[in-house]
Each structure stands twice: as structure tokens, then as C-alpha cells.
N, C-alpha and C. Protein backbone atom coordinates (compact mmCIF):
# COMPACT_ATOMS: atom_id res chain seq x y z
N MET A 1 11.90 44.62 4.31
CA MET A 1 11.09 44.67 2.79
C MET A 1 11.64 43.40 2.28
N ALA A 2 13.27 43.37 1.65
CA ALA A 2 13.64 42.48 1.23
C ALA A 2 13.37 41.04 1.54
N SER A 3 13.43 41.00 2.95
CA SER A 3 13.33 39.47 3.62
C SER A 3 11.59 39.00 3.03
N ASN A 4 11.08 39.83 2.96
CA ASN A 4 9.28 39.67 2.81
C ASN A 4 9.37 39.26 1.42
N ASP A 5 9.97 40.01 0.61
CA ASP A 5 9.99 39.56 -0.77
C ASP A 5 10.49 38.08 -1.38
N ARG A 6 11.72 37.66 -0.37
CA ARG A 6 12.30 36.44 -0.50
C ARG A 6 11.13 35.23 -0.13
N LEU A 7 10.57 35.83 1.16
CA LEU A 7 9.65 34.88 1.64
C LEU A 7 8.38 34.51 0.47
N ALA A 8 7.66 35.43 -0.06
CA ALA A 8 6.85 35.66 -1.04
C ALA A 8 7.25 34.63 -1.98
N GLU A 9 8.77 34.87 -2.39
CA GLU A 9 9.27 34.24 -3.75
C GLU A 9 9.45 32.64 -3.15
N THR A 10 9.66 32.57 -2.00
CA THR A 10 9.87 31.00 -1.68
C THR A 10 8.33 30.24 -1.67
N PHE A 11 7.39 30.97 -1.34
CA PHE A 11 6.27 30.45 -1.30
C PHE A 11 5.52 30.25 -2.73
N ALA A 12 5.81 31.37 -3.59
CA ALA A 12 5.51 31.13 -4.85
C ALA A 12 6.28 30.06 -5.56
N SER A 13 7.38 29.66 -5.21
CA SER A 13 8.11 28.43 -6.03
C SER A 13 7.52 27.28 -5.34
N LEU A 14 7.09 27.15 -4.24
CA LEU A 14 6.37 25.96 -3.52
C LEU A 14 5.16 25.89 -4.11
N ALA A 15 4.51 26.67 -4.61
CA ALA A 15 2.98 26.78 -5.15
C ALA A 15 3.54 25.92 -6.60
N THR A 16 4.24 26.62 -7.18
CA THR A 16 4.70 26.43 -8.64
C THR A 16 5.01 24.75 -8.75
N ALA A 17 5.76 24.59 -7.80
CA ALA A 17 6.21 23.09 -7.73
C ALA A 17 5.00 22.19 -7.69
N THR A 18 3.78 22.52 -6.81
CA THR A 18 2.76 21.80 -6.55
C THR A 18 2.00 21.65 -7.87
N LEU A 19 1.86 22.98 -8.52
CA LEU A 19 1.00 22.73 -9.64
C LEU A 19 1.54 22.15 -10.48
N LYS A 20 3.16 21.94 -10.76
CA LYS A 20 3.81 21.18 -11.96
C LYS A 20 3.44 19.68 -11.64
N LYS A 21 2.99 19.30 -10.39
CA LYS A 21 2.80 17.75 -10.26
C LYS A 21 4.16 17.14 -10.33
N GLU A 22 5.07 17.72 -9.28
CA GLU A 22 6.37 17.07 -9.23
C GLU A 22 6.58 15.41 -9.32
N PRO A 23 7.42 15.02 -9.90
CA PRO A 23 7.46 13.40 -10.14
C PRO A 23 7.97 12.89 -8.73
N ILE A 24 7.15 11.76 -8.54
CA ILE A 24 7.63 11.11 -7.27
C ILE A 24 8.37 10.02 -7.62
N PRO A 25 9.28 9.93 -6.81
CA PRO A 25 10.73 8.76 -6.97
C PRO A 25 9.99 7.30 -7.30
N ALA A 26 10.78 6.64 -8.01
CA ALA A 26 10.20 5.29 -8.51
C ALA A 26 10.17 4.37 -6.97
N GLY A 27 9.72 3.25 -7.03
CA GLY A 27 9.86 2.34 -5.88
C GLY A 27 8.84 2.10 -4.77
N TRP A 28 7.81 3.08 -4.89
CA TRP A 28 6.74 3.23 -3.96
C TRP A 28 5.94 2.02 -4.14
N ILE A 29 4.88 2.07 -3.38
CA ILE A 29 3.86 0.63 -3.38
C ILE A 29 2.69 1.45 -3.34
N TRP A 30 1.40 1.09 -3.87
CA TRP A 30 0.16 1.29 -3.68
C TRP A 30 -0.29 1.25 -2.48
N PRO A 31 -1.06 2.18 -2.04
CA PRO A 31 -1.67 2.29 -0.50
C PRO A 31 -2.37 1.16 0.05
N VAL A 32 -3.18 0.34 -1.12
CA VAL A 32 -4.00 -0.35 -0.74
C VAL A 32 -3.83 -2.03 -1.36
N ALA A 33 -3.69 -2.81 -0.20
CA ALA A 33 -3.18 -4.26 -0.87
C ALA A 33 -4.65 -4.91 -1.82
N PRO A 34 -4.05 -5.41 -2.55
CA PRO A 34 -5.04 -6.25 -3.69
C PRO A 34 -5.49 -7.24 -2.79
N ILE A 35 -6.89 -7.76 -3.15
CA ILE A 35 -7.75 -8.78 -2.41
C ILE A 35 -7.87 -10.09 -3.37
N LYS A 36 -8.07 -11.20 -2.83
CA LYS A 36 -8.03 -12.47 -3.66
C LYS A 36 -9.18 -13.01 -2.73
N PHE A 37 -10.22 -13.46 -3.48
CA PHE A 37 -11.52 -14.02 -2.89
C PHE A 37 -11.27 -15.30 -3.37
N SER A 38 -11.98 -16.54 -2.68
CA SER A 38 -11.73 -17.92 -2.39
C SER A 38 -12.14 -18.47 -3.73
N ASP A 39 -12.47 -17.95 -4.59
CA ASP A 39 -13.03 -18.54 -5.78
C ASP A 39 -11.67 -18.05 -6.82
N GLY A 40 -10.77 -17.64 -6.20
CA GLY A 40 -9.44 -17.23 -7.00
C GLY A 40 -9.29 -16.32 -7.58
N VAL A 41 -10.41 -15.37 -7.94
CA VAL A 41 -10.16 -14.09 -8.45
C VAL A 41 -9.55 -13.09 -7.69
N THR A 42 -8.62 -12.37 -8.38
CA THR A 42 -8.06 -11.36 -7.51
C THR A 42 -8.20 -10.00 -8.27
N TYR A 43 -8.21 -9.01 -7.16
CA TYR A 43 -8.68 -7.58 -7.87
C TYR A 43 -7.43 -6.69 -7.06
N HIS A 44 -6.94 -5.97 -7.99
CA HIS A 44 -5.95 -4.78 -7.72
C HIS A 44 -6.48 -3.55 -7.34
N PRO A 45 -6.33 -2.95 -6.51
CA PRO A 45 -6.70 -1.57 -6.29
C PRO A 45 -6.61 -0.35 -7.61
N VAL A 46 -7.62 0.32 -7.76
CA VAL A 46 -7.72 1.24 -8.75
C VAL A 46 -7.92 2.84 -8.23
N ILE A 47 -7.89 3.90 -8.78
CA ILE A 47 -8.24 5.36 -8.37
C ILE A 47 -9.61 5.23 -9.02
N SER A 48 -10.53 5.33 -7.68
CA SER A 48 -11.91 5.68 -7.96
C SER A 48 -12.54 7.22 -7.93
N ASP A 49 -11.69 8.01 -7.58
CA ASP A 49 -11.85 9.44 -7.83
C ASP A 49 -10.37 10.17 -7.87
N GLY A 50 -10.30 11.02 -8.89
CA GLY A 50 -8.88 11.40 -9.18
C GLY A 50 -8.76 12.64 -8.42
N PHE A 51 -7.66 13.48 -8.52
CA PHE A 51 -7.06 14.77 -8.00
C PHE A 51 -7.57 15.97 -8.55
N SER A 52 -7.96 16.79 -7.66
CA SER A 52 -8.48 18.11 -8.47
C SER A 52 -7.74 19.16 -7.59
N ALA A 53 -7.19 20.11 -8.16
CA ALA A 53 -6.33 21.25 -7.46
C ALA A 53 -7.23 22.29 -7.13
N GLN A 54 -8.15 22.34 -7.87
CA GLN A 54 -9.27 23.50 -7.61
C GLN A 54 -10.84 23.02 -8.13
N ALA A 55 -12.06 23.64 -7.76
CA ALA A 55 -13.32 23.13 -8.02
C ALA A 55 -13.61 23.80 -9.38
N SER A 56 -14.46 23.30 -10.27
CA SER A 56 -14.91 23.72 -11.26
C SER A 56 -16.24 23.30 -11.76
N PRO A 57 -17.00 23.80 -12.73
CA PRO A 57 -18.43 23.16 -12.82
C PRO A 57 -18.55 21.89 -13.02
N GLY A 58 -19.35 21.33 -11.88
CA GLY A 58 -19.36 19.67 -12.19
C GLY A 58 -18.52 18.96 -11.50
N LYS A 59 -17.46 19.79 -10.90
CA LYS A 59 -16.37 18.94 -10.29
C LYS A 59 -15.75 19.75 -8.89
N ARG A 60 -15.80 18.76 -8.07
CA ARG A 60 -15.24 19.70 -6.78
C ARG A 60 -13.82 19.30 -6.43
N GLU A 61 -13.26 20.17 -5.40
CA GLU A 61 -11.89 20.45 -5.11
C GLU A 61 -11.66 18.97 -4.52
N HIS A 62 -10.74 18.49 -5.05
CA HIS A 62 -10.11 17.08 -4.37
C HIS A 62 -8.81 17.00 -4.29
N ARG A 63 -7.83 17.24 -3.15
CA ARG A 63 -6.67 17.44 -2.88
C ARG A 63 -5.88 16.25 -2.76
N GLY A 64 -6.22 15.17 -3.58
CA GLY A 64 -5.85 13.63 -3.32
C GLY A 64 -6.40 12.79 -4.16
N ILE A 65 -6.44 11.32 -3.95
CA ILE A 65 -7.11 10.44 -4.71
C ILE A 65 -7.95 9.37 -3.80
N ASP A 66 -9.01 8.83 -4.27
CA ASP A 66 -9.55 7.66 -3.65
C ASP A 66 -9.50 6.69 -4.42
N VAL A 67 -9.09 5.58 -3.45
CA VAL A 67 -8.62 4.24 -4.15
C VAL A 67 -9.72 3.29 -3.34
N ALA A 68 -10.02 2.35 -4.29
CA ALA A 68 -11.09 1.24 -4.35
C ALA A 68 -10.86 0.19 -5.09
N PHE A 69 -11.76 -0.85 -5.34
CA PHE A 69 -11.59 -1.67 -6.47
C PHE A 69 -12.75 -1.89 -7.48
N ARG A 70 -12.36 -2.00 -8.75
CA ARG A 70 -13.08 -1.68 -9.53
C ARG A 70 -14.09 -2.95 -10.10
N ARG A 71 -15.64 -3.10 -10.45
CA ARG A 71 -16.22 -4.01 -10.75
C ARG A 71 -15.84 -4.63 -11.97
N LYS A 72 -15.76 -5.90 -12.26
CA LYS A 72 -15.57 -6.41 -13.69
C LYS A 72 -16.59 -6.35 -14.35
N SER A 73 -17.74 -6.33 -14.03
CA SER A 73 -18.95 -6.19 -14.68
C SER A 73 -20.17 -5.55 -13.80
N ALA A 74 -21.14 -5.06 -14.61
CA ALA A 74 -22.34 -4.66 -13.75
C ALA A 74 -22.91 -5.34 -12.64
N ASN A 75 -22.69 -6.55 -12.61
CA ASN A 75 -23.47 -7.58 -11.68
C ASN A 75 -22.10 -8.18 -10.57
N ASP A 76 -20.98 -7.90 -11.18
CA ASP A 76 -19.85 -8.37 -10.25
C ASP A 76 -19.86 -8.13 -8.70
N ARG A 77 -19.59 -9.06 -7.68
CA ARG A 77 -19.97 -8.92 -6.61
C ARG A 77 -20.93 -8.36 -5.71
N ARG A 78 -22.21 -8.14 -6.59
CA ARG A 78 -23.26 -7.21 -6.18
C ARG A 78 -23.76 -8.05 -5.06
N ALA A 79 -23.93 -9.30 -4.54
CA ALA A 79 -24.36 -9.94 -3.50
C ALA A 79 -23.83 -9.60 -2.48
N GLU A 80 -22.24 -9.66 -2.47
CA GLU A 80 -21.75 -9.57 -1.16
C GLU A 80 -21.19 -7.99 -1.02
N TYR A 81 -21.44 -7.26 -2.01
CA TYR A 81 -21.04 -5.80 -1.76
C TYR A 81 -21.99 -5.02 -2.54
N PRO A 82 -23.37 -4.99 -2.16
CA PRO A 82 -24.40 -3.90 -3.15
C PRO A 82 -24.14 -2.79 -3.17
N PRO A 83 -24.30 -2.13 -4.47
CA PRO A 83 -23.97 -1.16 -4.69
C PRO A 83 -25.00 0.14 -3.83
N ASN A 84 -24.47 1.49 -3.80
CA ASN A 84 -25.30 2.31 -3.06
C ASN A 84 -25.36 2.11 -1.39
N THR A 85 -24.33 1.36 -0.89
CA THR A 85 -24.19 0.81 0.59
C THR A 85 -23.03 1.45 0.91
N GLN A 86 -22.61 1.20 2.08
CA GLN A 86 -21.15 1.30 2.61
C GLN A 86 -20.37 0.26 2.04
N SER A 87 -20.83 -0.66 1.36
CA SER A 87 -19.90 -1.74 0.73
C SER A 87 -19.45 -1.11 -0.80
N GLY A 88 -19.86 -0.37 -1.45
CA GLY A 88 -19.85 0.01 -2.88
C GLY A 88 -20.56 1.03 -3.63
N THR A 89 -20.20 1.37 -4.63
CA THR A 89 -21.02 2.01 -5.73
C THR A 89 -21.52 0.88 -6.94
N PRO A 90 -22.12 1.41 -7.64
CA PRO A 90 -22.41 0.93 -9.03
C PRO A 90 -21.01 0.25 -9.59
N GLY A 91 -20.03 0.94 -9.50
CA GLY A 91 -19.07 0.68 -10.32
C GLY A 91 -17.71 0.11 -9.56
N TYR A 92 -17.85 0.59 -8.09
CA TYR A 92 -16.58 -0.16 -7.48
C TYR A 92 -16.99 -0.43 -6.03
N PHE A 93 -16.21 -1.37 -5.35
CA PHE A 93 -16.51 -2.04 -4.04
C PHE A 93 -15.31 -2.04 -3.15
N SER A 94 -15.44 -2.33 -2.03
CA SER A 94 -14.25 -2.29 -1.07
C SER A 94 -14.77 -3.30 0.03
N PRO A 95 -14.52 -4.45 0.54
CA PRO A 95 -14.56 -5.40 1.65
C PRO A 95 -14.07 -4.68 2.99
N PRO A 96 -14.75 -5.10 4.02
CA PRO A 96 -14.25 -4.57 5.14
C PRO A 96 -12.89 -5.32 5.48
N ASN A 97 -12.19 -4.52 6.23
CA ASN A 97 -10.67 -5.01 6.76
C ASN A 97 -9.85 -5.00 5.61
N THR A 98 -10.09 -4.29 4.55
CA THR A 98 -9.10 -4.35 3.67
C THR A 98 -7.81 -3.77 3.91
N PRO A 99 -6.36 -4.04 3.70
CA PRO A 99 -5.38 -3.60 4.53
C PRO A 99 -4.94 -2.25 3.74
N ILE A 100 -4.43 -1.39 4.22
CA ILE A 100 -4.16 -0.31 3.88
C ILE A 100 -2.43 -0.22 4.46
N VAL A 101 -1.57 0.10 3.61
CA VAL A 101 0.05 -0.04 3.64
C VAL A 101 0.55 1.27 3.33
N ALA A 102 1.68 1.36 4.13
CA ALA A 102 2.77 2.51 3.77
C ALA A 102 3.13 2.40 2.36
N GLY A 103 3.15 3.55 1.67
CA GLY A 103 3.56 3.53 0.24
C GLY A 103 5.26 3.57 0.05
N ARG A 104 5.88 3.95 1.19
CA ARG A 104 7.37 3.68 1.13
C ARG A 104 7.60 4.07 2.56
N GLN A 105 8.91 3.73 2.93
CA GLN A 105 9.40 3.40 4.24
C GLN A 105 9.31 4.93 4.92
N ALA A 106 8.79 4.92 6.19
CA ALA A 106 8.38 6.35 6.69
C ALA A 106 8.65 6.21 8.20
N VAL A 107 8.45 7.24 8.87
CA VAL A 107 8.15 7.54 10.31
C VAL A 107 6.71 7.76 10.45
N VAL A 108 5.83 7.41 11.28
CA VAL A 108 4.45 7.87 11.68
C VAL A 108 4.51 8.98 12.22
N TRP A 109 3.80 9.75 11.47
CA TRP A 109 3.80 11.62 12.21
C TRP A 109 2.88 11.61 12.87
N SER A 110 1.81 11.30 12.52
CA SER A 110 0.69 11.18 13.49
C SER A 110 -0.30 10.24 13.24
N VAL A 111 -1.17 10.21 14.01
CA VAL A 111 -2.45 9.31 14.16
C VAL A 111 -3.66 10.17 14.70
N ALA A 112 -4.80 10.16 14.18
CA ALA A 112 -5.73 10.86 14.83
C ALA A 112 -7.14 10.29 14.43
N GLU A 113 -8.20 10.53 14.84
CA GLU A 113 -9.53 10.39 14.58
C GLU A 113 -10.24 11.42 14.47
N GLY A 114 -11.14 11.70 13.64
CA GLY A 114 -12.14 12.80 13.23
C GLY A 114 -13.33 12.46 12.60
N PRO A 115 -14.07 13.29 12.29
CA PRO A 115 -15.40 13.05 11.64
C PRO A 115 -15.48 12.08 10.65
N LYS A 116 -14.38 12.03 9.90
CA LYS A 116 -14.17 11.40 8.52
C LYS A 116 -13.34 10.18 8.66
N GLY A 117 -13.21 9.36 10.28
CA GLY A 117 -12.82 8.32 10.39
C GLY A 117 -11.29 8.60 10.80
N TRP A 118 -10.45 7.40 11.12
CA TRP A 118 -9.05 7.72 11.57
C TRP A 118 -8.16 8.08 10.30
N ASN A 119 -6.97 8.92 10.28
CA ASN A 119 -6.32 9.04 9.74
C ASN A 119 -4.87 9.10 9.90
N VAL A 120 -3.88 8.76 9.26
CA VAL A 120 -2.54 8.93 9.43
C VAL A 120 -1.48 9.75 8.66
N VAL A 121 -0.44 10.14 9.09
CA VAL A 121 0.33 10.89 8.28
C VAL A 121 1.59 10.02 8.60
N LEU A 122 2.25 9.90 7.19
CA LEU A 122 3.50 9.58 7.28
C LEU A 122 4.69 10.53 6.86
N SER A 123 5.79 10.59 7.28
CA SER A 123 6.64 11.33 6.67
C SER A 123 8.02 10.50 6.35
N HIS A 124 8.29 10.78 4.91
CA HIS A 124 9.17 9.80 4.07
C HIS A 124 10.69 10.52 4.35
N GLY A 125 10.68 11.79 4.87
CA GLY A 125 11.97 12.13 4.91
C GLY A 125 11.74 13.23 3.65
N LYS A 126 12.35 14.49 3.83
CA LYS A 126 12.14 15.65 3.21
C LYS A 126 12.39 15.24 1.45
N PRO A 127 11.52 15.58 0.38
CA PRO A 127 10.46 16.70 0.76
C PRO A 127 8.90 15.79 0.62
N TYR A 128 8.59 14.73 1.18
CA TYR A 128 7.80 13.71 0.83
C TYR A 128 6.88 13.55 2.08
N ALA A 129 5.62 13.38 2.10
CA ALA A 129 4.88 12.81 3.26
C ALA A 129 3.64 12.48 2.66
N THR A 130 2.80 11.31 3.32
CA THR A 130 1.79 10.84 2.90
C THR A 130 0.57 10.91 3.84
N PHE A 131 -0.49 11.25 3.33
CA PHE A 131 -1.93 11.11 4.58
C PHE A 131 -2.89 10.11 3.94
N TYR A 132 -3.16 9.43 4.97
CA TYR A 132 -4.10 8.34 4.49
C TYR A 132 -5.66 8.75 5.33
N GLN A 133 -6.78 8.69 4.78
CA GLN A 133 -7.84 8.85 5.66
C GLN A 133 -8.81 7.93 5.33
N HIS A 134 -9.83 8.31 6.15
CA HIS A 134 -10.95 7.18 6.29
C HIS A 134 -10.64 5.40 6.74
N LEU A 135 -9.77 5.61 7.63
CA LEU A 135 -9.43 4.20 8.19
C LEU A 135 -10.38 3.85 8.98
N ALA A 136 -11.13 2.37 9.21
CA ALA A 136 -11.76 2.42 10.33
C ALA A 136 -10.98 1.57 11.48
N ARG A 137 -9.57 1.53 11.65
CA ARG A 137 -8.51 0.96 12.34
C ARG A 137 -7.40 1.17 11.89
N VAL A 138 -6.32 1.85 13.13
CA VAL A 138 -5.06 2.01 12.86
C VAL A 138 -4.32 0.82 13.63
N ILE A 139 -3.38 0.35 13.12
CA ILE A 139 -2.34 -0.41 13.90
C ILE A 139 -0.88 0.23 14.12
N VAL A 140 -0.66 1.23 13.89
CA VAL A 140 0.57 1.84 14.13
C VAL A 140 0.45 3.30 14.91
N GLU A 141 1.76 3.57 15.48
CA GLU A 141 1.37 4.85 16.53
C GLU A 141 2.61 5.95 16.14
N PRO A 142 2.60 7.09 16.63
CA PRO A 142 3.44 8.14 16.15
C PRO A 142 4.84 7.70 16.75
N LYS A 143 5.56 8.38 15.76
CA LYS A 143 7.30 7.79 16.04
C LYS A 143 7.83 6.49 15.31
N GLN A 144 6.64 5.51 14.94
CA GLN A 144 7.01 4.14 14.77
C GLN A 144 7.76 4.12 13.38
N ILE A 145 8.57 3.44 13.13
CA ILE A 145 9.20 3.43 11.56
C ILE A 145 8.53 2.40 11.11
N VAL A 146 7.86 2.53 9.90
CA VAL A 146 7.24 1.47 9.05
C VAL A 146 8.07 1.10 7.68
N LYS A 147 7.92 -0.13 7.43
CA LYS A 147 8.50 -0.62 5.96
C LYS A 147 7.43 -0.03 4.81
N ALA A 148 8.09 0.04 3.72
CA ALA A 148 7.26 0.27 2.68
C ALA A 148 6.31 -1.21 2.33
N GLY A 149 5.11 -0.89 2.12
CA GLY A 149 4.17 -2.05 2.07
C GLY A 149 3.90 -2.73 3.58
N GLU A 150 4.19 -1.90 4.77
CA GLU A 150 3.78 -2.65 5.96
C GLU A 150 2.45 -2.03 6.07
N GLN A 151 1.50 -2.94 6.83
CA GLN A 151 0.22 -2.39 7.00
C GLN A 151 0.00 -1.43 8.05
N ILE A 152 -0.60 -0.32 7.96
CA ILE A 152 -0.61 0.73 9.04
C ILE A 152 -2.28 0.89 9.49
N GLY A 153 -3.06 0.23 8.81
CA GLY A 153 -4.66 0.20 9.12
C GLY A 153 -5.35 -0.53 8.51
N THR A 154 -6.81 -0.44 8.55
CA THR A 154 -7.75 -1.01 7.39
C THR A 154 -8.95 0.20 7.03
N MET A 155 -9.38 -0.30 5.97
CA MET A 155 -9.81 0.68 4.98
C MET A 155 -11.46 0.94 6.11
N GLY A 156 -11.83 2.26 5.80
CA GLY A 156 -13.26 2.43 6.61
C GLY A 156 -13.95 3.61 5.58
N SER A 157 -14.86 4.40 6.19
CA SER A 157 -15.39 5.16 5.34
C SER A 157 -15.24 6.64 5.83
N SER A 158 -15.93 7.59 4.97
CA SER A 158 -15.81 8.90 5.71
C SER A 158 -16.77 9.14 6.82
N ARG A 159 -17.64 8.23 7.27
CA ARG A 159 -18.82 8.04 7.96
C ARG A 159 -20.09 9.16 7.56
N PHE A 160 -19.89 9.59 6.65
CA PHE A 160 -20.90 10.43 6.36
C PHE A 160 -22.13 9.80 5.67
N LYS A 161 -23.47 10.09 5.69
CA LYS A 161 -24.60 9.59 5.40
C LYS A 161 -24.31 9.15 4.14
N GLY A 162 -24.43 7.79 3.75
CA GLY A 162 -24.35 7.38 2.42
C GLY A 162 -22.97 7.41 2.06
N ALA A 163 -22.02 7.31 2.38
CA ALA A 163 -20.79 7.16 2.33
C ALA A 163 -20.11 5.68 2.33
N TRP A 164 -19.30 5.27 1.41
CA TRP A 164 -19.05 3.84 1.24
C TRP A 164 -17.32 4.08 1.42
N ARG A 165 -16.99 2.60 1.58
CA ARG A 165 -15.67 2.04 2.15
C ARG A 165 -14.57 2.83 0.81
N HIS A 166 -13.68 3.26 1.08
CA HIS A 166 -12.67 3.75 0.31
C HIS A 166 -11.40 4.59 1.30
N LEU A 167 -10.12 4.65 0.45
CA LEU A 167 -9.01 5.29 1.08
C LEU A 167 -9.26 6.73 0.21
N HIS A 168 -9.06 7.67 0.99
CA HIS A 168 -8.48 8.72 0.40
C HIS A 168 -6.72 8.91 0.80
N PHE A 169 -5.94 9.29 -0.15
CA PHE A 169 -4.91 9.32 -0.36
C PHE A 169 -3.96 10.34 -0.69
N ALA A 170 -3.26 10.78 -0.31
CA ALA A 170 -2.58 12.38 -0.60
C ALA A 170 -1.29 12.03 -0.56
N VAL A 171 -0.39 12.72 -1.45
CA VAL A 171 0.69 12.77 -1.59
C VAL A 171 1.34 14.44 -1.36
N TRP A 172 2.09 14.62 -0.17
CA TRP A 172 2.37 16.15 0.12
C TRP A 172 3.98 16.26 -0.29
N TYR A 173 4.13 17.13 -0.91
CA TYR A 173 5.52 17.66 -1.25
C TYR A 173 5.78 19.04 -0.84
N LYS A 174 7.14 19.04 0.01
CA LYS A 174 7.50 20.24 0.66
C LYS A 174 6.47 20.86 1.43
N GLY A 175 6.00 20.02 2.22
CA GLY A 175 4.78 20.83 3.34
C GLY A 175 3.82 19.78 3.60
N PHE A 176 3.16 20.10 4.50
CA PHE A 176 1.88 19.29 5.06
C PHE A 176 0.47 20.03 5.07
N GLY A 177 -0.22 19.39 4.44
CA GLY A 177 -1.87 19.53 4.41
C GLY A 177 -2.11 19.93 2.70
N ASP A 178 -3.39 20.24 2.69
CA ASP A 178 -4.20 20.36 1.28
C ASP A 178 -2.97 21.08 0.22
N GLY A 179 -2.75 22.05 0.86
CA GLY A 179 -1.88 23.32 -0.03
C GLY A 179 -0.53 22.69 -0.47
N ALA A 180 -0.10 21.36 -0.11
CA ALA A 180 1.11 20.88 -0.59
C ALA A 180 0.73 19.48 -1.10
N SER A 181 -0.78 19.37 -1.40
CA SER A 181 -0.79 18.08 -2.48
C SER A 181 -0.39 18.13 -3.55
N ILE A 182 0.48 17.07 -4.21
CA ILE A 182 0.29 16.77 -5.60
C ILE A 182 -0.29 15.89 -6.13
N ASP A 183 -0.25 15.66 -7.60
CA ASP A 183 -1.35 14.29 -7.74
C ASP A 183 -0.62 13.33 -8.05
N PRO A 184 -0.86 11.90 -7.14
CA PRO A 184 0.36 10.87 -7.56
C PRO A 184 -0.24 10.12 -8.41
N ALA A 185 -1.14 10.21 -9.16
CA ALA A 185 -1.61 9.25 -10.24
C ALA A 185 -0.68 9.09 -11.57
N PRO A 186 0.06 10.29 -11.98
CA PRO A 186 0.84 9.64 -12.99
C PRO A 186 1.88 8.87 -12.64
N SER A 187 2.46 9.06 -11.54
CA SER A 187 3.65 8.37 -10.95
C SER A 187 2.98 6.75 -10.39
N MET A 188 1.86 6.67 -10.04
CA MET A 188 1.21 5.58 -9.77
C MET A 188 1.36 4.17 -10.51
N LYS A 189 1.40 4.67 -11.96
CA LYS A 189 1.34 3.59 -13.00
C LYS A 189 2.28 3.02 -12.79
N THR A 190 3.79 3.15 -12.37
CA THR A 190 4.65 2.43 -12.11
C THR A 190 4.87 1.79 -10.74
N TRP A 191 4.01 2.09 -9.86
CA TRP A 191 3.87 1.60 -8.46
C TRP A 191 3.91 0.10 -8.23
N ARG A 192 4.38 -0.59 -7.33
CA ARG A 192 4.11 -1.79 -7.15
C ARG A 192 3.24 -2.39 -6.25
N PHE A 193 2.60 -3.29 -6.30
CA PHE A 193 1.60 -3.69 -5.29
C PHE A 193 1.90 -4.77 -4.07
N ALA A 194 1.43 -4.43 -2.83
CA ALA A 194 1.75 -5.20 -1.79
C ALA A 194 1.32 -6.65 -2.11
N PRO A 195 1.48 -7.53 -1.07
CA PRO A 195 1.05 -8.85 -1.15
C PRO A 195 -0.48 -9.07 -1.46
N SER A 196 -1.02 -9.91 -1.74
CA SER A 196 -2.58 -9.86 -2.15
C SER A 196 -2.97 -10.50 -0.70
N TRP A 197 -4.20 -9.73 -0.04
CA TRP A 197 -4.93 -10.51 1.16
C TRP A 197 -6.32 -11.06 0.97
N ASN A 198 -6.19 -12.11 1.37
CA ASN A 198 -7.35 -12.91 1.13
C ASN A 198 -8.80 -12.87 1.76
N VAL A 199 -9.63 -12.30 1.31
CA VAL A 199 -10.68 -12.02 1.64
C VAL A 199 -11.63 -13.36 2.56
């Protein structure tokens, strides 16, 4: 009985750590590389949809964040990346083949293809792992060591009807899966960017 109580306490402490949004160490890199167009304009990735630990009226549960590029105006890049298509929304867009990079040095834990596109899990050593979803292409394999900022694949979509290109990114703390997800957004304010990719 005592051992069951200790086990319950352990799970409770892990849940509390998740809810407290444990800080992520400095030195990480945004998981999407900036993009640079031939006209010289550079776009840095932004969070297009934030983290939500539980559903509430008007808001769905979203145990991770979505990353894309914000349009600089209502008409920005509309010809190349029309809103309400796979290329983007009225506020955001993402070119095909946009590089997805490792947020920190890691070992590739898993690579899998599912109904929402390819996904990759990177293990950064206890207690952190990261999850990258909706990839169109993966260029790493399990057990491979990757450096911070090294490309692991290219951006795709969830493949659902009406879906548009973006990255779903999650940081897992002391575990694997949605139950271990913590909100990376506060820490990402200090993260660096990988080198720009020429569109």
C-alpha cells in the first residue's frame, strides 16, 4: 500500500511540474529556420497557435505549439501563398520545403509516418524530449545524433481537409507524450534562430 502511495505521489509531482511550466534551459534554437526571399525580405518563425493544457469554451486542447510565418500585412505574399489553401491562412503562411531543425543536440528517438504526416521525436537527455509533427519529409533516422540547429526534415501539413502547412512542436518534460508536454513559449523568447533558408 505504501509503495502505491509513493507511486501516486510521484505521478502527482510530475503532473505539478508540467502545470508549473518548468523552464527550459537557455541555448535552444527555434525548430523552424527563418526564410529569406530573393527580394531580400527575411521572415522569422512565430507561434501561430499556442499551448493549451485543457479545452475550454471556444478553445481546444493543444499540447504543443504551431509554428509558421506571419504576414507583414493583409496582402503580404498572397499571390505566392494564398490564404485558405495549403500555403497559409489570412494571417500566416509557410513555403513548401521550409527546413525543420533540432532545437538542441539530441539522439533521434523515433521517426514515424501517420495520418497527420511524418513525425520525429528527439531525446535531449533527461528530462527533455521534443516532438515535431506534420513533416512532409524526414532526413534523419532513429539512433542518429543531431546537433542543435541541424535539419531533420521539411515542413508539411496535417493532411486533413483544409489543412495548411505548419509545424506542430512540443517539448516533453520527464516523460513522453501529451501528458508530459509543457509550454515552450515563455522560454522561446530567448531562443536563437538557425541560419536563414533561401526560398
